[in-house]
PDB file of N, CA and C in Angstrom:
ATOM      1  N   MET A   1       1.072  -1.389  -0.010  1.00  0.00           N
ATOM      2  CA  MET A   1       0.034   0.114  -0.004  1.00  0.00           C
ATOM      3  C   MET A   1       0.733   1.154  -0.182  1.00  0.00           C
ATOM      4  N   ALA A   2       0.643   2.009  -1.059  1.00  0.00           N
ATOM      5  CA  ALA A   2       1.385   3.582  -0.779  1.00  0.00           C
ATOM      6  C   ALA A   2       1.037   4.292   0.326  1.00  0.00           C
ATOM      7  N   SER A   3       2.387   5.224   0.587  1.00  0.00           N
ATOM      8  CA  SER A   3       1.697   6.011   1.841  1.00  0.00           C
ATOM      9  C   SER A   3       1.709   7.511   0.972  1.00  0.00           C
ATOM     10  N   THR A   4       0.802   8.138   1.570  1.00  0.00           N
ATOM     11  CA  THR A   4       0.410   9.815   1.265  1.00  0.00           C
ATOM     12  C   THR A   4       1.679  10.347   1.640  1.00  0.00           C
ATOM     13  N   GLU A   5       2.026  11.364   1.759  1.00  0.00           N
ATOM     14  CA  GLU A   5       3.018  12.121   2.015  1.00  0.00           C
ATOM     15  C   GLU A   5       2.344  13.083   2.495  1.00  0.00           C
ATOM     16  N   LEU A   6       3.040  13.407   4.108  1.00  0.00           N
ATOM     17  CA  LEU A   6       2.279  14.340   4.687  1.00  0.00           C
ATOM     18  C   LEU A   6       3.036  15.500   4.904  1.00  0.00           C
ATOM     19  N   ARG A   7       2.144  16.784   5.038  1.00  0.00           N
ATOM     20  CA  ARG A   7       2.984  17.827   5.055  1.00  0.00           C
ATOM     21  C   ARG A   7       2.489  18.732   6.501  1.00  0.00           C
ATOM     22  N   TRP A   8       3.599  19.538   7.349  1.00  0.00           N
ATOM     23  CA  TRP A   8       3.466  19.711   8.597  1.00  0.00           C
ATOM     24  C   TRP A   8       3.296  20.795   8.601  1.00  0.00           C
ATOM     25  N   HIS A   9       2.672  21.436   9.779  1.00  0.00           N
ATOM     26  CA  HIS A   9       1.964  23.112   9.764  1.00  0.00           C
ATOM     27  C   HIS A   9       3.416  22.865  10.773  1.00  0.00           C
ATOM     28  N   PRO A  10       3.881  24.288  10.630  1.00  0.00           N
ATOM     29  CA  PRO A  10       5.333  24.724  11.132  1.00  0.00           C
ATOM     30  C   PRO A  10       4.936  24.860  13.055  1.00  0.00           C
ATOM     31  N   ALA A  11       3.732  25.274  13.619  1.00  0.00           N
ATOM     32  CA  ALA A  11       3.611  25.075  14.917  1.00  0.00           C
ATOM     33  C   ALA A  11       3.787  23.486  15.073  1.00  0.00           C
ATOM     34  N   ALA A  12       3.050  22.406  14.503  1.00  0.00           N
ATOM     35  CA  ALA A  12       3.085  21.280  14.956  1.00  0.00           C
ATOM     36  C   ALA A  12       4.233  20.503  15.248  1.00  0.00           C
ATOM     37  N   LEU A  13       5.503  20.749  13.865  1.00  0.00           N
ATOM     38  CA  LEU A  13       7.059  20.746  14.314  1.00  0.00           C
ATOM     39  C   LEU A  13       7.211  20.543  15.514  1.00  0.00           C
ATOM     40  N   ARG A  14       7.126  22.509  15.266  1.00  0.00           N
ATOM     41  CA  ARG A  14       7.539  23.017  16.985  1.00  0.00           C
ATOM     42  C   ARG A  14       7.394  22.103  17.891  1.00  0.00           C
ATOM     43  N   GLU A  15       5.315  21.909  18.267  1.00  0.00           N
ATOM     44  CA  GLU A  15       5.647  20.952  19.298  1.00  0.00           C
ATOM     45  C   GLU A  15       6.134  19.567  19.413  1.00  0.00           C
ATOM     46  N   ALA A  16       6.222  18.848  18.301  1.00  0.00           N
ATOM     47  CA  ALA A  16       6.561  17.795  18.289  1.00  0.00           C
ATOM     48  C   ALA A  16       8.166  17.889  18.927  1.00  0.00           C
ATOM     49  N   GLU A  17       9.254  18.986  18.621  1.00  0.00           N
ATOM     50  CA  GLU A  17      10.166  19.138  18.477  1.00  0.00           C
ATOM     51  C   GLU A  17      10.690  19.488  20.501  1.00  0.00           C
ATOM     52  N   GLU A  18       9.180  20.501  20.802  1.00  0.00           N
ATOM     53  CA  GLU A  18       9.425  20.722  22.055  1.00  0.00           C
ATOM     54  C   GLU A  18       9.036  19.580  23.182  1.00  0.00           C
ATOM     55  N   ALA A  19       8.387  18.699  22.261  1.00  0.00           N
ATOM     56  CA  ALA A  19       8.055  17.379  23.603  1.00  0.00           C
ATOM     57  C   ALA A  19       8.917  16.689  23.624  1.00  0.00           C
ATOM     58  N   ARG A  20       9.834  16.184  22.310  1.00  0.00           N
ATOM     59  CA  ARG A  20      11.155  15.551  21.914  1.00  0.00           C
ATOM     60  C   ARG A  20      11.829  16.086  23.289  1.00  0.00           C
ATOM     61  N   ASP A  21      11.947  17.320  23.109  1.00  0.00           N
ATOM     62  CA  ASP A  21      13.509  17.700  24.396  1.00  0.00           C
ATOM     63  C   ASP A  21      12.898  17.669  25.558  1.00  0.00           C
ATOM     64  N   TRP A  22      11.151  17.784  26.150  1.00  0.00           N
ATOM     65  CA  TRP A  22      11.022  17.519  27.432  1.00  0.00           C
ATOM     66  C   TRP A  22      11.576  16.229  27.783  1.00  0.00           C
ATOM     67  N   TYR A  23      11.094  15.386  26.958  1.00  0.00           N
ATOM     68  CA  TYR A  23      11.205  13.970  27.608  1.00  0.00           C
ATOM     69  C   TYR A  23      12.784  14.019  27.497  1.00  0.00           C
ATOM     70  N   LEU A  24      13.906  14.122  26.452  1.00  0.00           N
ATOM     71  CA  LEU A  24      15.439  13.876  26.744  1.00  0.00           C
ATOM     72  C   LEU A  24      16.080  14.871  27.759  1.00  0.00           C
ATOM     73  N   ALA A  25      15.640  15.823  28.327  1.00  0.00           N
ATOM     74  CA  ALA A  25      16.155  16.244  29.376  1.00  0.00           C
ATOM     75  C   ALA A  25      15.187  15.971  30.868  1.00  0.00           C
ATOM     76  N   ARG A  26      14.550  14.351  30.702  1.00  0.00           N
ATOM     77  CA  ARG A  26      14.186  13.695  31.634  1.00  0.00           C
ATOM     78  C   ARG A  26      15.319  12.422  31.752  1.00  0.00           C
ATOM     79  N   SER A  27      14.977  11.892  30.104  1.00  0.00           N
ATOM     80  CA  SER A  27      15.499  10.507  30.039  1.00  0.00           C
ATOM     81  C   SER A  27      15.860  10.224  28.520  1.00  0.00           C
ATOM     82  N   PRO A  28      16.673   9.918  28.017  1.00  0.00           N
ATOM     83  CA  PRO A  28      16.948   9.660  26.613  1.00  0.00           C
ATOM     84  C   PRO A  28      16.205   8.472  26.108  1.00  0.00           C
ATOM     85  N   LEU A  29      16.029   7.532  26.908  1.00  0.00           N
ATOM     86  CA  LEU A  29      15.045   6.624  26.732  1.00  0.00           C
ATOM     87  C   LEU A  29      13.718   6.979  26.393  1.00  0.00           C
ATOM     88  N   ALA A  30      13.000   7.800  27.674  1.00  0.00           N
ATOM     89  CA  ALA A  30      11.880   8.442  27.216  1.00  0.00           C
ATOM     90  C   ALA A  30      11.597   9.314  25.836  1.00  0.00           C
ATOM     91  N   ALA A  31      13.035   9.281  25.682  1.00  0.00           N
ATOM     92  CA  ALA A  31      12.932  10.511  24.325  1.00  0.00           C
ATOM     93  C   ALA A  31      12.469   9.933  23.359  1.00  0.00           C
ATOM     94  N   HIS A  32      13.755   8.852  23.414  1.00  0.00           N
ATOM     95  CA  HIS A  32      13.483   7.792  22.170  1.00  0.00           C
ATOM     96  C   HIS A  32      12.105   7.098  22.120  1.00  0.00           C
ATOM     97  N   GLY A  33      11.703   6.851  23.264  1.00  0.00           N
ATOM     98  CA  GLY A  33      10.250   6.195  22.927  1.00  0.00           C
ATOM     99  C   GLY A  33       8.781   7.163  22.745  1.00  0.00           C
ATOM    100  N   PHE A  34       9.193   8.079  22.940  1.00  0.00           N
ATOM    101  CA  PHE A  34       8.698   9.315  22.357  1.00  0.00           C
ATOM    102  C   PHE A  34       8.466   9.537  20.591  1.00  0.00           C
ATOM    103  N   VAL A  35       9.767   9.359  20.388  1.00  0.00           N
ATOM    104  CA  VAL A  35       9.751   9.795  18.652  1.00  0.00           C
ATOM    105  C   VAL A  35       9.548   8.168  18.285  1.00  0.00           C
ATOM    106  N   ALA A  36       9.136   7.105  18.665  1.00  0.00           N
ATOM    107  CA  ALA A  36       8.970   6.138  17.933  1.00  0.00           C
ATOM    108  C   ALA A  36       7.732   6.187  18.428  1.00  0.00           C
ATOM    109  N   SER A  37       6.872   6.452  19.151  1.00  0.00           N
ATOM    110  CA  SER A  37       5.557   6.435  18.902  1.00  0.00           C
ATOM    111  C   SER A  37       4.926   7.532  18.396  1.00  0.00           C
ATOM    112  N   LEU A  38       5.715   8.731  17.947  1.00  0.00           N
ATOM    113  CA  LEU A  38       5.034  10.062  17.204  1.00  0.00           C
ATOM    114  C   LEU A  38       5.771   9.542  15.768  1.00  0.00           C
ATOM    115  N   SER A  39       6.502   8.252  15.412  1.00  0.00           N
ATOM    116  CA  SER A  39       6.617   7.817  14.370  1.00  0.00           C
ATOM    117  C   SER A  39       5.805   6.976  13.584  1.00  0.00           C
ATOM    118  N   ASP A  40       5.209   6.097  14.631  1.00  0.00           N
ATOM    119  CA  ASP A  40       4.200   5.090  14.168  1.00  0.00           C
ATOM    120  C   ASP A  40       3.037   6.297  13.912  1.00  0.00           C
ATOM    121  N   ALA A  41       2.564   7.015  14.847  1.00  0.00           N
ATOM    122  CA  ALA A  41       1.331   7.722  14.493  1.00  0.00           C
ATOM    123  C   ALA A  41       1.418   8.200  12.910  1.00  0.00           C
ATOM    124  N   VAL A  42       2.444   8.894  12.659  1.00  0.00           N
ATOM    125  CA  VAL A  42       2.867   9.598  11.693  1.00  0.00           C
ATOM    126  C   VAL A  42       2.662   8.319  10.160  1.00  0.00           C
ATOM    127  N   GLU A  43       3.125   7.471  10.889  1.00  0.00           N
ATOM    128  CA  GLU A  43       3.373   6.372   9.776  1.00  0.00           C
ATOM    129  C   GLU A  43       1.818   5.477   9.408  1.00  0.00           C
ATOM    130  N   ALA A  44       0.925   5.691  10.791  1.00  0.00           N
ATOM    131  CA  ALA A  44      -0.122   5.224  10.136  1.00  0.00           C
ATOM    132  C   ALA A  44      -1.112   6.099   9.583  1.00  0.00           C
ATOM    133  N   VAL A  45      -0.705   7.385   9.875  1.00  0.00           N
ATOM    134  CA  VAL A  45      -1.705   8.340   9.221  1.00  0.00           C
ATOM    135  C   VAL A  45      -1.383   8.264   7.867  1.00  0.00           C
ATOM    136  N   ALA A  46      -0.354   8.436   7.294  1.00  0.00           N
ATOM    137  CA  ALA A  46       0.014   8.442   5.716  1.00  0.00           C
ATOM    138  C   ALA A  46      -0.208   7.194   5.304  1.00  0.00           C
ATOM    139  N   ALA A  47      -0.480   6.017   5.801  1.00  0.00           N
ATOM    140  CA  ALA A  47      -0.950   4.792   5.046  1.00  0.00           C
ATOM    141  C   ALA A  47      -2.042   4.746   5.180  1.00  0.00           C
ATOM    142  N   THR A  48      -3.378   5.576   5.906  1.00  0.00           N
ATOM    143  CA  THR A  48      -4.418   5.465   6.029  1.00  0.00           C
ATOM    144  C   THR A  48      -5.103   6.530   6.273  1.00  0.00           C
ATOM    145  N   PRO A  49      -4.872   7.515   5.601  1.00  0.00           N
ATOM    146  CA  PRO A  49      -5.083   8.848   6.367  1.00  0.00           C
ATOM    147  C   PRO A  49      -6.805   8.703   6.755  1.00  0.00           C
ATOM    148  N   VAL A  50      -7.794   8.244   6.175  1.00  0.00           N
ATOM    149  CA  VAL A  50      -9.156   8.614   6.080  1.00  0.00           C
ATOM    150  C   VAL A  50      -9.351   7.220   7.454  1.00  0.00           C
ATOM    151  N   ARG A  51      -8.438   6.695   8.048  1.00  0.00           N
ATOM    152  CA  ARG A  51      -8.422   5.485   9.120  1.00  0.00           C
ATOM    153  C   ARG A  51      -9.723   5.860   9.951  1.00  0.00           C
ATOM    154  N   TRP A  52      -9.187   7.438  10.536  1.00  0.00           N
ATOM    155  CA  TRP A  52      -9.702   7.771  11.798  1.00  0.00           C
ATOM    156  C   TRP A  52     -10.942   8.687  11.892  1.00  0.00           C
ATOM    157  N   PRO A  53     -12.029   8.644  12.287  1.00  0.00           N
ATOM    158  CA  PRO A  53     -12.832   9.736  12.070  1.00  0.00           C
ATOM    159  C   PRO A  53     -12.477  11.096  11.941  1.00  0.00           C
ATOM    160  N   VAL A  54     -13.460  11.987  11.552  1.00  0.00           N
ATOM    161  CA  VAL A  54     -13.401  13.174  11.857  1.00  0.00           C
ATOM    162  C   VAL A  54     -14.160  13.220  12.704  1.00  0.00           C
ATOM    163  N   GLY A  55     -13.263  14.660  13.361  1.00  0.00           N
ATOM    164  CA  GLY A  55     -13.858  14.781  14.539  1.00  0.00           C
ATOM    165  C   GLY A  55     -14.163  16.745  14.766  1.00  0.00           C
ATOM    166  N   ARG A  56     -13.569  17.265  15.790  1.00  0.00           N
ATOM    167  CA  ARG A  56     -13.473  18.591  15.640  1.00  0.00           C
ATOM    168  C   ARG A  56     -12.839  19.514  14.471  1.00  0.00           C
ATOM    169  N   HIS A  57     -13.447  20.310  14.183  1.00  0.00           N
ATOM    170  CA  HIS A  57     -13.195  21.610  13.694  1.00  0.00           C
ATOM    171  C   HIS A  57     -12.551  20.937  12.463  1.00  0.00           C
ATOM    172  N   GLY A  58     -13.308  20.012  11.642  1.00  0.00           N
ATOM    173  CA  GLY A  58     -13.130  18.568  10.879  1.00  0.00           C
ATOM    174  C   GLY A  58     -11.595  17.944  10.530  1.00  0.00           C
ATOM    175  N   CYS A  59     -11.101  18.195  11.748  1.00  0.00           N
ATOM    176  CA  CYS A  59      -9.632  17.397  11.553  1.00  0.00           C
ATOM    177  C   CYS A  59      -9.776  16.198  12.066  1.00  0.00           C
ATOM    178  N   ARG A  60      -9.014  15.200  12.070  1.00  0.00           N
ATOM    179  CA  ARG A  60      -8.744  13.526  12.271  1.00  0.00           C
ATOM    180  C   ARG A  60      -7.718  13.556  13.685  1.00  0.00           C
ATOM    181  N   GLU A  61      -7.674  12.715  14.373  1.00  0.00           N
ATOM    182  CA  GLU A  61      -7.104  12.789  15.063  1.00  0.00           C
ATOM    183  C   GLU A  61      -6.637  10.813  15.640  1.00  0.00           C
ATOM    184  N   ARG A  62      -5.264  11.113  15.646  1.00  0.00           N
ATOM    185  CA  ARG A  62      -4.555   9.815  15.975  1.00  0.00           C
ATOM    186  C   ARG A  62      -4.112   9.904  17.577  1.00  0.00           C
ATOM    187  N   VAL A  63      -4.610   9.282  17.998  1.00  0.00           N
ATOM    188  CA  VAL A  63      -3.725   9.201  19.704  1.00  0.00           C
ATOM    189  C   VAL A  63      -2.409   8.453  19.494  1.00  0.00           C
ATOM    190  N   PHE A  64      -1.305   8.816  19.878  1.00  0.00           N
ATOM    191  CA  PHE A  64      -0.110   7.908  20.222  1.00  0.00           C
ATOM    192  C   PHE A  64      -0.351   6.761  20.921  1.00  0.00           C
ATOM    193  N   PRO A  65      -0.014   5.761  20.217  1.00  0.00           N
ATOM    194  CA  PRO A  65       0.269   4.111  21.135  1.00  0.00           C
ATOM    195  C   PRO A  65       0.995   4.604  22.621  1.00  0.00           C
ATOM    196  N   ASN A  66       0.835   3.537  23.193  1.00  0.00           N
ATOM    197  CA  ASN A  66       1.811   3.470  24.521  1.00  0.00           C
ATOM    198  C   ASN A  66       1.490   4.663  25.235  1.00  0.00           C
ATOM    199  N   GLN A  67       2.538   4.608  25.994  1.00  0.00           N
ATOM    200  CA  GLN A  67       2.229   5.636  27.444  1.00  0.00           C
ATOM    201  C   GLN A  67       2.245   7.244  26.963  1.00  0.00           C
ATOM    202  N   TYR A  68       2.962   7.582  25.716  1.00  0.00           N
ATOM    203  CA  TYR A  68       2.714   9.013  26.089  1.00  0.00           C
ATOM    204  C   TYR A  68       1.300   9.694  25.356  1.00  0.00           C
ATOM    205  N   PRO A  69       1.275  10.787  26.284  1.00  0.00           N
ATOM    206  CA  PRO A  69      -0.378  11.624  26.301  1.00  0.00           C
ATOM    207  C   PRO A  69      -0.797  12.452  24.830  1.00  0.00           C
ATOM    208  N   TYR A  70      -0.038  12.065  24.051  1.00  0.00           N
ATOM    209  CA  TYR A  70      -0.248  13.223  22.782  1.00  0.00           C
ATOM    210  C   TYR A  70      -1.163  12.754  21.581  1.00  0.00           C
ATOM    211  N   THR A  71      -1.475  13.636  20.687  1.00  0.00           N
ATOM    212  CA  THR A  71      -2.399  13.337  19.852  1.00  0.00           C
ATOM    213  C   THR A  71      -1.518  13.759  18.377  1.00  0.00           C
ATOM    214  N   LEU A  72      -1.751  13.193  17.638  1.00  0.00           N
ATOM    215  CA  LEU A  72      -1.746  14.012  15.953  1.00  0.00           C
ATOM    216  C   LEU A  72      -2.651  14.001  15.342  1.00  0.00           C
ATOM    217  N   VAL A  73      -2.842  15.330  15.356  1.00  0.00           N
ATOM    218  CA  VAL A  73      -3.886  16.248  14.946  1.00  0.00           C
ATOM    219  C   VAL A  73      -4.019  16.743  13.089  1.00  0.00           C
ATOM    220  N   TYR A  74      -4.775  16.452  12.164  1.00  0.00           N
ATOM    221  CA  TYR A  74      -4.302  16.362  11.212  1.00  0.00           C
ATOM    222  C   TYR A  74      -5.712  16.521  10.160  1.00  0.00           C
ATOM    223  N   ARG A  75      -5.332  17.075   8.760  1.00  0.00           N
ATOM    224  CA  ARG A  75      -6.533  17.197   8.149  1.00  0.00           C
ATOM    225  C   ARG A  75      -6.349  16.412   6.688  1.00  0.00           C
ATOM    226  N   VAL A  76      -7.093  15.819   6.286  1.00  0.00           N
ATOM    227  CA  VAL A  76      -6.780  15.469   4.770  1.00  0.00           C
ATOM    228  C   VAL A  76      -7.633  16.228   3.971  1.00  0.00           C
ATOM    229  N   GLY A  77      -6.395  16.241   2.679  1.00  0.00           N
ATOM    230  CA  GLY A  77      -6.473  17.516   1.957  1.00  0.00           C
ATOM    231  C   GLY A  77      -7.177  17.311   0.554  1.00  0.00           C
ATOM    232  N   PRO A  78      -6.056  17.309  -0.218  1.00  0.00           N
ATOM    233  CA  PRO A  78      -4.787  17.029  -0.424  1.00  0.00           C
ATOM    234  C   PRO A  78      -4.267  18.702  -0.048  1.00  0.00           C
ATOM    235  N   PRO A  79      -3.141  18.786   0.527  1.00  0.00           N
ATOM    236  CA  PRO A  79      -2.566  17.133   1.176  1.00  0.00           C
ATOM    237  C   PRO A  79      -3.249  16.944   2.176  1.00  0.00           C
ATOM    238  N   VAL A  80      -2.540  15.830   2.710  1.00  0.00           N
ATOM    239  CA  VAL A  80      -2.689  15.324   4.437  1.00  0.00           C
ATOM    240  C   VAL A  80      -1.317  16.133   5.188  1.00  0.00           C
ATOM    241  N   VAL A  81      -2.212  17.576   6.173  1.00  0.00           N
ATOM    242  CA  VAL A  81      -1.140  18.450   7.060  1.00  0.00           C
ATOM    243  C   VAL A  81      -1.446  17.925   8.232  1.00  0.00           C
ATOM    244  N   VAL A  82      -0.617  17.832   9.113  1.00  0.00           N
ATOM    245  CA  VAL A  82      -0.589  17.611  10.277  1.00  0.00           C
ATOM    246  C   VAL A  82      -0.366  18.845  10.921  1.00  0.00           C
ATOM    247  N   VAL A  83      -1.449  19.232  11.447  1.00  0.00           N
ATOM    248  CA  VAL A  83      -1.963  20.286  12.372  1.00  0.00           C
ATOM    249  C   VAL A  83      -1.273  20.179  13.650  1.00  0.00           C
ATOM    250  N   ALA A  84      -1.255  19.593  14.469  1.00  0.00           N
ATOM    251  CA  ALA A  84      -0.916  19.771  15.400  1.00  0.00           C
ATOM    252  C   ALA A  84      -0.146  18.167  16.240  1.00  0.00           C
ATOM    253  N   VAL A  85       0.423  18.427  17.349  1.00  0.00           N
ATOM    254  CA  VAL A  85       1.159  17.616  18.207  1.00  0.00           C
ATOM    255  C   VAL A  85       0.655  17.843  19.502  1.00  0.00           C
ATOM    256  N   ALA A  86      -0.725  17.350  19.806  1.00  0.00           N
ATOM    257  CA  ALA A  86      -1.429  18.124  21.069  1.00  0.00           C
ATOM    258  C   ALA A  86      -1.607  16.790  21.657  1.00  0.00           C
ATOM    259  N   HIS A  87      -0.809  17.660  23.653  1.00  0.00           N
ATOM    260  CA  HIS A  87      -0.672  16.869  24.907  1.00  0.00           C
ATOM    261  C   HIS A  87      -2.545  16.717  25.047  1.00  0.00           C
ATOM    262  N   GLN A  88      -2.869  15.621  25.604  1.00  0.00           N
ATOM    263  CA  GLN A  88      -3.636  15.345  25.934  1.00  0.00           C
ATOM    264  C   GLN A  88      -5.011  15.918  27.267  1.00  0.00           C
ATOM    265  N   ARG A  89      -4.000  16.364  27.821  1.00  0.00           N
ATOM    266  CA  ARG A  89      -4.160  16.998  28.724  1.00  0.00           C
ATOM    267  C   ARG A  89      -3.941  18.617  29.035  1.00  0.00           C
ATOM    268  N   ARG A  90      -3.736  19.422  28.104  1.00  0.00           N
ATOM    269  CA  ARG A  90      -3.477  20.694  28.312  1.00  0.00           C
ATOM    270  C   ARG A  90      -3.992  21.397  27.007  1.00  0.00           C
ATOM    271  N   ARG A  91      -4.452  22.451  27.398  1.00  0.00           N
ATOM    272  CA  ARG A  91      -4.830  23.329  26.468  1.00  0.00           C
ATOM    273  C   ARG A  91      -5.585  23.082  25.079  1.00  0.00           C
ATOM    274  N   PRO A  92      -6.907  22.050  25.450  1.00  0.00           N
ATOM    275  CA  PRO A  92      -7.513  21.384  24.358  1.00  0.00           C
ATOM    276  C   PRO A  92      -7.742  22.781  23.472  1.00  0.00           C
ATOM    277  N   GLU A  93      -7.874  22.015  22.459  1.00  0.00           N
ATOM    278  CA  GLU A  93      -8.190  22.120  21.232  1.00  0.00           C
ATOM    279  C   GLU A  93      -7.235  23.767  20.886  1.00  0.00           C
ATOM    280  N   PHE A  94      -6.541  24.065  21.242  1.00  0.00           N
ATOM    281  CA  PHE A  94      -5.637  25.360  20.558  1.00  0.00           C
ATOM    282  C   PHE A  94      -5.007  25.095  19.437  1.00  0.00           C
ATOM    283  N   TRP A  95      -5.359  24.358  18.472  1.00  0.00           N
ATOM    284  CA  TRP A  95      -4.362  24.092  17.910  1.00  0.00           C
ATOM    285  C   TRP A  95      -6.192  24.832  16.536  1.00  0.00           C
ATOM    286  N   ARG A  96      -7.398  24.826  17.080  1.00  0.00           N
ATOM    287  CA  ARG A  96      -8.305  25.209  16.111  1.00  0.00           C
ATOM    288  C   ARG A  96      -8.200  26.403  15.155  1.00  0.00           C
ATOM    289  N   SER A  97      -7.322  27.429  15.018  1.00  0.00           N
ATOM    290  CA  SER A  97      -7.326  28.405  14.453  1.00  0.00           C
ATOM    291  C   SER A  97      -6.088  27.811  13.170  1.00  0.00           C
ATOM    292  N   ARG A  98      -5.627  26.775  13.376  1.00  0.00           N
ATOM    293  CA  ARG A  98      -4.726  26.571  12.147  1.00  0.00           C
ATOM    294  C   ARG A  98      -5.136  26.092  10.968  1.00  0.00           C
TER     295      ARG A  98
END
C-alpha cells in the first residue's frame, strides 16, 4: 500500500520538537520512546489517512500508542497536513485556528 506524503504545520513541528526535548531532559530512553510513538502515528496516518473519524473542526485525531499522552491532529487534503502534536491534558483545541 502506498503512503501519502504528509505536510507539517510549522507549529506542529515545533510542538513535536518541544515534546521530544522535554522527554530528553528527563530520560534519553523516554525521548526515544516518544519519537518512536510519533513515528508510528505518522506512518499510520500516511498509510491510511481516512482511517480515523473526522472530529472537531474537520480534523482527524490519531492518539499516540503506548504511554505518551499526545494526539496527532491532522486534516485530509490534498495534501494531508499535520495540524498539531497536542498534549491530551493541556490547552484543549489550542490548534483550532490553524
